[in-house]
Protein backbone atom coordinates (compact mmCIF):
# COMPACT_ATOMS: atom_id res chain seq x y z
CA MET A 1 10.90 19.27 10.55
CA ALA A 2 10.97 19.13 14.34
CA ARG A 3 14.55 20.24 14.87
CA ASN A 4 15.22 18.00 17.86
CA LEU A 5 15.39 14.22 17.87
CA TRP A 6 12.30 12.41 19.15
CA ILE A 7 12.82 8.73 19.88
CA GLY A 8 11.03 5.97 21.75
CA ALA A 9 8.24 3.43 21.59
CA PRO A 10 5.01 4.57 19.86
CA GLY A 11 3.06 6.83 22.22
CA ARG A 12 6.09 7.22 24.52
CA LEU A 13 8.47 9.44 22.58
CA ARG A 14 11.07 11.56 24.34
CA GLU A 15 12.65 14.70 22.94
CA ILE A 16 16.46 14.78 23.01
CA ARG A 17 17.22 18.51 23.01
CA GLN A 18 21.00 18.17 22.93
CA ALA A 19 22.49 18.05 19.44
CA ALA A 20 24.42 14.93 18.55
CA LYS A 21 28.19 15.21 18.22
CA SER A 22 28.04 13.03 15.10
CA TRP A 23 25.06 12.04 12.98
CA GLU A 24 25.02 9.70 9.99
CA ARG A 25 21.79 8.87 8.15
CA THR A 26 22.88 7.25 4.90
CA ALA A 27 20.60 4.82 3.08
CA GLU A 28 22.07 1.39 2.41
CA LEU A 29 22.09 0.71 -1.36
CA ASN A 30 23.18 -2.98 -1.27
CA VAL A 31 24.43 -2.86 -4.87
CA THR A 32 26.24 -6.04 -5.93
CA GLU A 33 28.65 -6.01 -8.88
CA PHE A 34 29.33 -8.97 -11.19
CA LYS A 35 32.36 -8.64 -13.47
CA ALA A 36 32.56 -10.90 -16.53
CA LEU A 37 35.83 -12.29 -17.86
CA GLU A 38 35.81 -9.81 -20.73
CA GLY A 39 35.53 -6.96 -18.23
CA ARG A 40 31.87 -6.04 -18.52
CA VAL A 41 30.15 -5.23 -15.23
CA THR A 42 26.59 -6.13 -14.30
CA THR A 43 25.00 -4.79 -11.13
CA PHE A 44 22.12 -6.01 -9.01
CA ALA A 45 20.28 -3.98 -6.38
CA PRO A 46 17.13 -4.65 -4.37
CA THR A 47 14.05 -2.55 -5.09
CA ARG A 48 14.14 -0.71 -1.79
CA THR A 49 16.97 0.96 0.11
CA ILE A 50 16.93 0.85 3.90
CA ARG A 51 17.98 3.64 6.24
CA ARG A 52 20.70 3.31 8.86
CA LEU A 53 21.27 5.88 11.59
CA LYS A 54 24.40 6.35 13.66
CA LEU A 55 24.35 9.04 16.34
CA SER A 56 26.72 9.89 19.10
CA PHE A 57 26.25 12.24 22.05
CA GLU A 58 28.82 13.71 24.43
CA TRP A 59 28.06 14.95 27.95
CA LEU A 60 24.44 13.86 27.68
CA GLU A 61 22.06 14.66 30.52
CA PRO A 62 21.53 11.61 32.79
CA GLU A 63 17.77 11.37 32.08
CA ASP A 64 18.30 11.46 28.31
CA ALA A 65 21.16 8.97 28.54
CA GLN A 66 19.04 6.56 30.58
CA HIS A 67 16.22 6.82 28.04
CA LEU A 68 18.53 5.91 25.14
CA VAL A 69 20.11 3.03 27.03
CA ARG A 70 16.66 1.67 27.96
CA LEU A 71 15.74 1.69 24.28
CA ALA A 72 18.96 -0.10 23.33
CA ARG A 73 18.50 -2.75 26.02
CA ARG A 74 14.73 -3.02 25.40
CA VAL A 75 13.86 -2.23 29.01
CA GLY A 76 10.21 -1.22 29.39
CA THR A 77 9.76 -0.45 25.70
CA GLY A 78 7.85 -3.52 24.55
CA ARG A 79 9.04 -5.87 21.84
CA GLY A 80 8.27 -3.80 18.76
CA PRO A 81 10.40 -1.41 16.72
CA LEU A 82 11.12 2.16 17.76
CA VAL A 83 9.98 5.51 16.42
CA VAL A 84 12.74 7.90 15.33
CA LEU A 85 11.64 11.39 14.28
CA ASP A 86 14.80 12.51 12.54
CA PRO A 87 15.31 16.31 12.80
CA ALA A 88 17.01 16.29 9.39
CA SER A 89 13.97 14.85 7.62
CA VAL A 90 12.10 17.10 5.21
CA ASN A 91 9.15 14.83 4.36
CA LEU A 92 7.88 12.04 6.62
CA LEU A 93 6.29 10.12 3.75
CA ASP A 94 8.01 6.98 2.49
CA PRO A 95 10.36 7.88 -0.42
CA TYR A 96 8.36 5.94 -3.00
CA GLN A 97 5.07 7.07 -1.49
CA ALA A 98 6.09 10.71 -1.85
CA ALA A 99 6.96 10.05 -5.49
CA GLY A 100 3.61 8.36 -6.08
CA GLN A 101 5.28 5.00 -6.74
CA SER A 102 4.28 1.56 -5.51
CA GLU A 103 5.51 -2.00 -5.92
CA ILE A 104 1.87 -3.09 -6.20
CA PRO A 105 -0.19 -2.07 -9.25
CA GLY A 106 -3.12 -1.05 -7.06
CA GLY A 107 -0.91 0.91 -4.64
CA TRP A 108 -2.41 -0.78 -1.58
CA ASP A 109 0.94 -0.75 0.23
CA HIS A 110 0.85 3.07 0.41
CA TRP A 111 -2.78 4.19 0.09
CA PHE A 112 -6.31 3.16 0.98
CA THR A 113 -9.63 4.38 -0.41
CA MET A 114 -12.37 5.96 1.68
CA ASN A 115 -15.94 7.18 1.30
CA GLY A 116 -17.37 6.48 -2.10
CA ASP A 117 -16.54 5.22 -5.56
CA ILE A 118 -12.79 5.63 -5.93
CA ALA A 119 -10.03 3.41 -7.33
CA LEU A 120 -6.23 3.38 -7.54
CA ALA A 121 -4.23 2.52 -10.64
CA ARG A 122 -0.75 3.00 -12.10
CA ASN A 123 -0.37 5.28 -15.13
CA ALA A 124 2.04 4.95 -18.05
CA GLU A 125 4.76 6.86 -16.14
CA GLY A 126 4.54 4.45 -13.21
CA VAL A 127 2.84 6.99 -10.93
CA THR A 128 -0.18 5.87 -8.94
CA THR A 129 -3.35 7.82 -9.70
CA VAL A 130 -6.76 8.14 -8.09
CA ASP A 131 -9.82 7.59 -10.26
CA CYS A 132 -12.43 9.57 -8.35
CA ARG A 133 -15.98 8.85 -9.51
CA GLU A 134 -17.77 10.65 -6.68
CA VAL A 135 -17.22 14.18 -5.37
CA GLY A 136 -17.19 13.06 -1.74
CA ALA A 137 -14.62 10.27 -2.17
CA ALA A 138 -11.30 10.31 -0.32
CA VAL A 139 -7.94 8.54 -0.22
CA GLY A 140 -5.73 7.99 2.83
CA TRP A 141 -1.99 7.41 3.20
CA ILE A 142 -0.65 4.26 4.93
CA HIS A 143 2.43 4.24 7.17
CA GLY A 144 3.10 0.54 6.67
CA VAL A 145 4.06 -0.42 10.23
CA TRP A 146 1.90 1.62 12.61
CA SER A 147 -1.65 2.98 12.59
CA GLY A 148 -0.27 6.25 11.25
CA TRP A 149 2.72 8.56 11.59
CA PRO A 150 3.79 8.86 15.25
CA VAL A 151 3.23 12.28 16.82
CA VAL A 152 3.22 13.91 20.25
CA PRO A 153 0.47 16.25 21.53
CA GLY A 154 1.47 19.88 21.05
CA MET A 155 3.46 19.30 17.87
CA ARG A 156 2.46 21.25 14.76
CA ALA A 157 1.73 18.94 11.82
CA SER A 158 1.32 20.08 8.21
CA TRP A 159 0.04 18.15 5.21
CA LEU A 160 0.44 19.28 1.60
CA LEU A 161 -1.69 17.54 -1.03
CA PRO A 162 -0.08 15.93 -4.08
CA ALA A 163 0.82 18.26 -6.94
CA GLY A 164 -1.84 19.20 -9.43
CA TRP A 165 -4.88 18.96 -7.15
CA ASP A 166 -7.24 21.93 -7.45
CA PRO A 167 -7.09 23.89 -4.15
CA ALA A 168 -10.51 25.37 -4.92
CA THR A 169 -12.22 21.98 -4.52
CA ALA A 170 -9.75 19.66 -2.78
CA THR A 171 -9.67 19.10 0.98
CA ALA A 172 -6.49 18.40 2.97
CA GLN A 173 -7.20 16.41 6.13
CA LEU A 174 -5.30 15.04 9.14
CA ASP A 175 -6.92 12.17 11.06
CA TRP A 176 -5.77 11.87 14.68
CA LYS A 177 -5.62 8.43 16.31
CA ALA A 178 -4.97 7.15 19.83
CA ALA A 179 -2.13 4.80 20.79
CA ASP A 180 -4.38 1.80 20.12
CA GLY A 181 -5.15 3.07 16.61
CA LYS A 182 -8.67 4.24 17.45
CA TYR A 183 -9.86 7.29 15.51
CA LEU A 184 -10.16 10.44 17.64
CA SER A 185 -10.85 13.45 15.43
CA SER A 186 -9.85 15.26 12.22
CA SER A 187 -8.42 18.61 11.20
CA HIS A 188 -9.27 19.64 7.65
CA THR A 189 -9.54 22.59 5.31
CA ILE A 190 -10.42 23.24 1.69
CA GLY A 191 -7.18 24.03 -0.09
CA ALA A 192 -3.79 22.59 -0.96
CA SER A 193 -2.60 22.12 2.65
CA VAL A 194 -3.66 21.95 6.26
CA THR A 195 -1.72 22.73 9.46
CA ALA A 196 -2.90 21.77 12.95
CA VAL A 197 -1.63 21.21 16.47
CA VAL A 198 -1.63 17.57 17.58
CA PRO A 199 -4.50 17.22 20.10
CA GLU A 200 -4.30 15.63 23.53
CA GLY A 201 -4.50 11.84 23.45
CA ALA A 202 -3.25 11.55 19.87
CA ALA A 203 -0.33 9.21 19.17
CA TYR A 204 -0.65 8.92 15.37
CA VAL A 205 -1.74 11.00 12.40
CA THR A 206 -3.00 9.79 9.02
CA PRO A 207 -2.94 12.17 6.02
CA VAL A 208 -6.14 12.13 3.95
CA ALA A 209 -7.00 13.85 0.67
CA ARG A 210 -10.38 14.57 -0.93
CA PRO A 211 -10.25 15.71 -4.57
CA GLY A 212 -13.71 17.28 -4.35
CA ALA A 213 -14.23 16.60 -8.05
CA VAL A 214 -14.61 13.71 -10.49
CA GLY A 215 -11.57 12.67 -12.53
CA LEU A 216 -8.02 11.31 -12.37
CA PHE A 217 -5.59 12.72 -9.78
CA GLY A 218 -1.91 11.85 -9.34
CA LEU A 219 -0.46 10.93 -5.95
CA ALA A 220 3.08 12.28 -6.44
CA GLY A 221 4.34 15.34 -4.60
CA GLY A 222 2.60 15.07 -1.22
CA CYS A 223 4.49 16.20 1.89
CA LEU A 224 3.94 15.58 5.62
CA THR A 225 5.99 17.62 8.09
CA LEU A 226 6.24 18.42 11.79
CA GLY A 227 7.02 22.00 12.76
CA GLU A 228 8.00 23.07 9.24
CA GLU A 229 6.25 24.24 6.10
CA PRO A 230 5.71 21.36 3.65
CA VAL A 231 7.40 21.48 0.24
CA ALA A 232 5.92 19.92 -2.89
CA HIS A 233 7.93 17.03 -4.36
CA ALA A 234 10.31 16.97 -1.38
CA LEU A 235 12.17 13.68 -1.14
CA GLY A 236 10.41 11.37 1.27
CA ASP A 237 12.78 10.61 4.14
CA GLY A 238 10.14 8.44 5.71
CA CYS A 239 9.49 7.82 9.37
CA PRO A 240 10.78 4.25 9.40
CA ALA A 241 10.41 1.81 12.24
CA MET A 242 13.90 1.18 13.60
CA VAL A 243 15.76 -1.18 15.90
CA VAL A 244 18.97 -0.51 17.85
CA THR A 245 21.69 -2.88 16.63
CA ALA A 246 24.57 -1.54 18.76
CA TYR A 247 25.22 1.06 21.44
CA THR A 248 27.92 2.40 23.74
CA ASP A 249 27.48 3.97 27.18
CA VAL A 250 30.60 5.63 28.56
CA PRO A 251 30.59 7.83 31.70
CA SER A 252 32.05 11.24 30.90
CA ALA A 253 34.85 12.90 32.83
CA ARG A 254 32.22 15.00 34.62
CA LEU A 255 29.68 12.72 36.24
CA PRO A 256 26.74 12.21 36.04
CA TYR A 257 26.95 13.13 32.33
CA ARG A 258 27.44 10.27 29.88
CA ASN A 259 28.67 9.70 26.34
CA VAL A 260 26.16 7.55 24.45
CA SER A 261 26.07 6.31 20.88
CA LEU A 262 23.41 4.33 19.00
CA ASP A 263 23.36 2.40 15.73
CA LEU A 264 19.88 1.82 14.29
CA VAL A 265 18.52 0.10 11.19
CA GLU A 266 15.19 0.41 9.40
CA VAL A 267 12.99 -2.68 9.81
CA ARG A 268 9.57 -3.87 8.77
CA ASP A 269 9.04 -5.45 12.17
CA ALA A 270 11.06 -6.52 15.21
CA ALA A 271 11.14 -10.14 16.28
CA LEU A 272 12.79 -9.76 19.67
């Protein structure tokens, strides 16, 4: 993955080159325990787990510090959630999306069908599959919040198709989109994966897959990365939309450097 933190509003990301002094990225499980009088324990947990990030920087450059504080105070960033490209992420797909799982039988929360007779369904193992009835049909991956996965021109994006797809017939494709979601162009190749440099004007990328054959194809094992080689069946860390819930801004002993910390939480949207 891109080994530096990229953070900001969609289309206006800034790279923070300095490594954080501390970095916590644990998912929140929200497991509740109920203990009966006889001592038996029952647990309840929501279907999804949300990500929380806590990062702290010491002696941060003034320009980087100002950028983070603007994000925290929502100055000039709009009213929506923020993009956080976590340098520790291995796969930018949603965790369940990478595993081919969906809360909806048709999988419409994670995928959409393109070009031809193609349908999505859940198999006996709970993995979403593509029923491709035309050679030219295609399926695309959905981010869930934005028009695609946020990128910056000049980055190197790689997309690995789900496991089991025939590289002799399948096509891996990256669709580039502008900040307003308008389609710009595509990078594609016949094979299991495609790697391309993000073109000028692109703010989002959408992974697309074309089986190139008729039949059933599973959607588990796909991997989307930035600056790194994709790995099949890598855990999806996601690229969640996030909101700053707390921050500190402390001038360091050597001005104009500053010590800044941020707490962020994964959100579906931001009502600010």
